Protein backbone atom coordinates (compact mmCIF):
# COMPACT_ATOMS: atom_id res chain seq x y z
CA MET A 1 -19.02 -14.69 -12.12
CA ALA A 2 -15.43 -16.58 -11.52
CA ARG A 3 -13.68 -14.75 -8.65
CA PRO A 4 -10.44 -13.22 -10.35
CA TYR A 5 -6.97 -15.05 -9.94
CA ARG A 6 -4.95 -14.56 -7.56
CA LEU A 7 -1.25 -15.33 -7.78
CA GLN A 8 0.16 -16.93 -3.73
CA ALA A 9 3.90 -17.66 -3.56
CA GLU A 10 6.10 -17.15 -1.28
CA HIS A 11 8.67 -13.68 -1.70
CA CYS A 12 6.22 -12.29 -4.10
CA PHE A 13 6.30 -8.56 -4.23
CA TYR A 14 2.72 -6.94 -4.14
CA HIS A 15 0.46 -3.93 -4.54
CA ILE A 16 -2.38 -3.83 -2.78
CA THR A 17 -5.79 -1.72 -2.72
CA SER A 18 -8.91 -1.54 -1.01
CA ARG A 19 -11.79 0.81 -1.02
CA GLY A 20 -14.70 1.56 1.19
CA ASP A 21 -18.00 0.19 0.58
CA ASP A 22 -19.71 2.24 -1.85
CA ARG A 23 -16.76 4.29 -1.83
CA LYS A 24 -17.55 5.62 1.29
CA LYS A 25 -14.94 6.98 4.17
CA ILE A 26 -12.87 4.14 5.55
CA TYR A 27 -10.71 6.26 7.89
CA VAL A 28 -12.93 9.38 9.76
CA SER A 29 -10.27 10.04 12.57
CA ASP A 30 -6.92 10.16 13.25
CA ARG A 31 -7.63 7.24 15.74
CA ASP A 32 -8.97 4.89 12.50
CA CYS A 33 -5.54 5.50 10.51
CA GLU A 34 -3.54 4.70 13.75
CA LYS A 35 -5.81 1.57 14.35
CA PHE A 36 -5.14 0.91 10.87
CA LEU A 37 -1.30 0.84 10.95
CA GLU A 38 -1.75 -1.30 14.54
CA TYR A 39 -3.21 -3.87 12.68
CA ILE A 40 -0.59 -3.86 9.88
CA SER A 41 1.98 -3.71 12.63
CA LEU A 42 0.34 -7.00 14.18
CA ALA A 43 -0.09 -8.85 11.09
CA LYS A 44 3.75 -8.71 10.69
CA ALA A 45 4.24 -10.42 13.62
CA LYS A 46 2.41 -12.84 12.73
CA PHE A 47 2.66 -13.71 9.38
CA ASN A 48 6.51 -12.70 8.51
CA PHE A 49 6.12 -10.03 5.67
CA HIS A 50 7.81 -7.17 5.08
CA VAL A 51 6.37 -3.41 4.06
CA TYR A 52 7.59 -1.37 1.60
CA ALA A 53 5.14 1.72 1.12
CA TYR A 54 1.87 2.81 2.27
CA CYS A 55 -0.73 5.80 2.25
CA LEU A 56 -3.95 5.88 3.45
CA MET A 57 -6.29 7.60 1.89
CA THR A 58 -10.02 9.07 3.02
CA ASN A 59 -11.78 6.15 1.37
CA HIS A 60 -9.44 3.76 0.19
CA TYR A 61 -5.48 2.88 0.86
CA HIS A 62 -1.86 1.51 -0.93
CA LEU A 63 0.16 -1.01 0.42
CA LEU A 64 3.64 -2.38 -1.02
CA LEU A 65 4.34 -5.58 0.66
CA GLU A 66 6.23 -8.84 0.32
CA THR A 67 5.68 -11.88 1.59
CA THR A 68 7.88 -14.51 2.73
CA GLN A 69 5.24 -17.29 2.77
CA ALA A 70 2.50 -17.79 0.41
CA ASN A 71 -0.50 -16.12 2.75
CA ILE A 72 -1.37 -12.99 1.11
CA SER A 73 -4.84 -13.66 1.29
CA LYS A 74 -4.58 -14.37 5.16
CA ILE A 75 -2.49 -11.47 5.95
CA MET A 76 -4.89 -9.09 4.28
CA HIS A 77 -8.37 -11.05 5.69
CA TYR A 78 -6.47 -10.40 9.07
CA VAL A 79 -5.87 -6.61 8.36
CA ASN A 80 -9.05 -5.82 6.79
CA GLY A 81 -11.31 -8.25 8.93
CA SER A 82 -9.88 -6.70 12.26
CA TYR A 83 -10.23 -3.27 11.10
CA THR A 84 -13.72 -3.75 10.45
CA THR A 85 -14.17 -5.30 13.66
CA TYR A 86 -12.87 -2.35 15.22
CA TYR A 87 -14.71 0.46 13.03
CA ASN A 88 -18.02 -1.38 13.14
CA THR A 89 -17.92 -1.70 17.37
CA LYS A 90 -17.02 1.79 17.66
CA ARG A 91 -19.70 3.33 15.60
CA LYS A 92 -22.13 0.66 16.81
CA ARG A 93 -22.63 -0.38 13.38
CA SER A 94 -22.55 -3.62 11.26
CA GLY A 95 -22.02 -4.32 7.63
CA HIS A 96 -19.04 -3.97 5.37
CA VAL A 97 -16.48 -1.76 5.69
CA PHE A 98 -14.34 -2.28 2.33
CA GLN A 99 -15.92 -2.76 -1.19
CA GLY A 100 -15.55 -6.39 -1.69
CA ARG A 101 -12.03 -8.31 -1.21
CA PHE A 102 -8.84 -6.57 -1.83
CA LYS A 103 -7.14 -5.78 -5.15
CA SER A 104 -3.65 -7.19 -5.38
CA LEU A 105 -0.82 -6.87 -8.19
CA VAL A 106 2.65 -9.21 -8.56
CA VAL A 107 4.64 -6.56 -8.91
CA ASP A 108 8.15 -7.25 -10.69
CA LYS A 109 10.14 -5.35 -7.78
CA ASP A 110 13.63 -4.35 -10.05
CA ILE A 111 11.88 -2.37 -12.38
CA TYR A 112 8.74 -0.93 -10.46
CA PHE A 113 9.49 -0.42 -7.07
CA LEU A 114 10.54 3.24 -7.70
CA GLU A 115 7.61 4.12 -9.66
CA LEU A 116 5.27 2.45 -7.40
CA SER A 117 6.61 3.83 -4.34
CA ARG A 118 6.41 7.81 -5.80
CA TYR A 119 2.68 6.90 -7.02
CA ILE A 120 1.66 5.87 -3.61
CA HIS A 121 3.33 8.62 -2.40
CA LEU A 122 1.95 11.59 -4.38
CA ASN A 123 -2.05 10.46 -3.84
CA PRO A 124 -2.67 12.66 -1.37
CA VAL A 125 -1.05 15.44 -3.98
CA ARG A 126 -3.64 13.85 -6.98
CA ALA A 127 -6.44 13.85 -4.60
CA LYS A 128 -5.49 18.03 -4.07
CA ILE A 129 -5.04 17.19 0.05
CA VAL A 130 -1.61 18.59 0.18
CA GLU A 131 0.77 20.56 -2.11
CA MET A 132 3.92 18.98 -0.76
CA PRO A 133 3.82 14.61 -0.02
CA GLU A 134 5.92 15.79 3.34
CA ALA A 135 2.59 17.67 4.87
CA TYR A 136 0.81 14.28 4.96
CA ARG A 137 0.85 12.48 7.53
CA TRP A 138 -0.67 8.89 6.87
CA SER A 139 1.79 7.87 4.38
CA SER A 140 5.41 6.37 4.51
CA TYR A 141 7.09 9.06 2.68
CA LEU A 142 8.73 10.76 5.64
CA GLY A 143 9.93 7.29 6.75
CA TYR A 144 11.94 7.55 3.30
CA LEU A 145 12.99 10.96 3.99
CA ASP A 146 14.48 9.23 7.62
CA LYS A 147 11.55 10.78 9.85
CA LYS A 148 11.36 7.50 12.39
CA ASP A 149 8.54 5.01 11.49
CA SER A 150 8.57 1.76 12.91
CA LEU A 151 6.20 -0.25 10.18
CA LEU A 152 8.52 0.16 7.64
CA ASP A 153 11.55 -2.31 6.71
CA LEU A 154 13.70 0.23 5.86
CA ASP A 155 16.69 -1.54 5.48
CA ARG A 156 15.21 -3.63 2.50
CA ILE A 157 13.84 -0.55 1.01
CA ARG A 158 17.09 0.76 0.90
CA GLN A 159 18.59 -1.89 -0.88
CA CYS A 160 16.01 -1.35 -3.40
CA LEU A 161 16.20 2.35 -3.69
CA ASN A 162 19.84 2.66 -4.12
CA ILE A 163 19.58 6.26 -4.31
CA ALA A 164 19.91 8.68 -1.34
CA LYS A 165 17.08 10.30 0.22
CA ASN A 166 17.70 13.72 -1.16
CA GLN A 167 17.65 11.87 -4.89
CA TYR A 168 14.38 10.18 -4.10
CA ARG A 169 12.95 13.09 -3.10
CA GLN A 170 13.93 14.84 -6.16
CA PHE A 171 12.17 11.55 -8.05
CA VAL A 172 8.99 12.08 -6.26
CA LEU A 173 8.53 15.53 -7.04
CA GLN A 174 10.01 15.88 -10.96
CA VAL A 175 6.10 14.75 -11.67
CA ARG A 176 4.23 16.24 -8.54
CA ASP A 177 2.28 17.95 -11.23
CA LYS A 178 2.08 15.71 -13.65
CA PRO A 179 2.08 12.10 -12.05
CA LEU A 180 2.51 9.08 -14.00
CA ASP A 181 0.54 6.12 -14.05
CA PRO A 182 2.45 2.76 -13.74
CA PHE A 183 -0.55 0.68 -13.70
CA LYS A 184 -1.30 1.52 -17.41
CA ASN A 185 1.12 -1.69 -18.14
CA VAL A 186 -0.40 -4.62 -15.78
CA TYR A 187 -0.58 -7.78 -17.68
CA ALA A 188 -3.61 -10.14 -17.24
CA GLY A 189 -5.07 -8.04 -14.58
CA PHE A 190 -2.67 -9.08 -11.50
CA LEU A 191 0.89 -9.02 -13.30
CA LEU A 192 3.06 -5.86 -13.43
CA GLY A 193 6.78 -6.16 -14.54
CA SER A 194 9.31 -7.05 -17.49
CA ALA A 195 8.17 -9.51 -20.25
CA LEU A 196 10.86 -12.12 -18.67
CA PHE A 197 9.06 -11.52 -15.38
CA ILE A 198 5.28 -12.33 -16.68
CA LYS A 199 6.49 -15.68 -18.62
């Protein structure tokens, strides 16, 4: 079967997700989550990309990244590979932690940034883990509300948001009980944007 096409270019904005093999847990402890975020931080230093949002769930994760080089596969190979080695060593096991390769969408940041960041931050609410997104520790939501988060590129995020933190909180909470699905507009399995962006 042909491998799905993955666009790689400089200054691309991506939504990345990956699930546990057989939908099993990939984060069992707080330390697991901490280590995964550490690997993203190390990858930032190594590959020079920007982090706009993240959420680590029990058996999958979501990331919003912007590359500065055509290297998204190298970035994610480093992150997933490093975490797999850590996870297997810690638990004296071998084999896959993640289900196949990561999935990526190339995103029109100007149109979909707000919607995707809200979707990511509401993941724990949709999963009924918490009632309010700020109660969840393993997402970037609190960074948007001015809690320190060294992983986020906050200056770039503020430029994309163009709204105050209280307005962003209202924007997220207005669909808390009925989250919208931005992925219904994905084109050709890997593009999310306006007709002009897709063209």
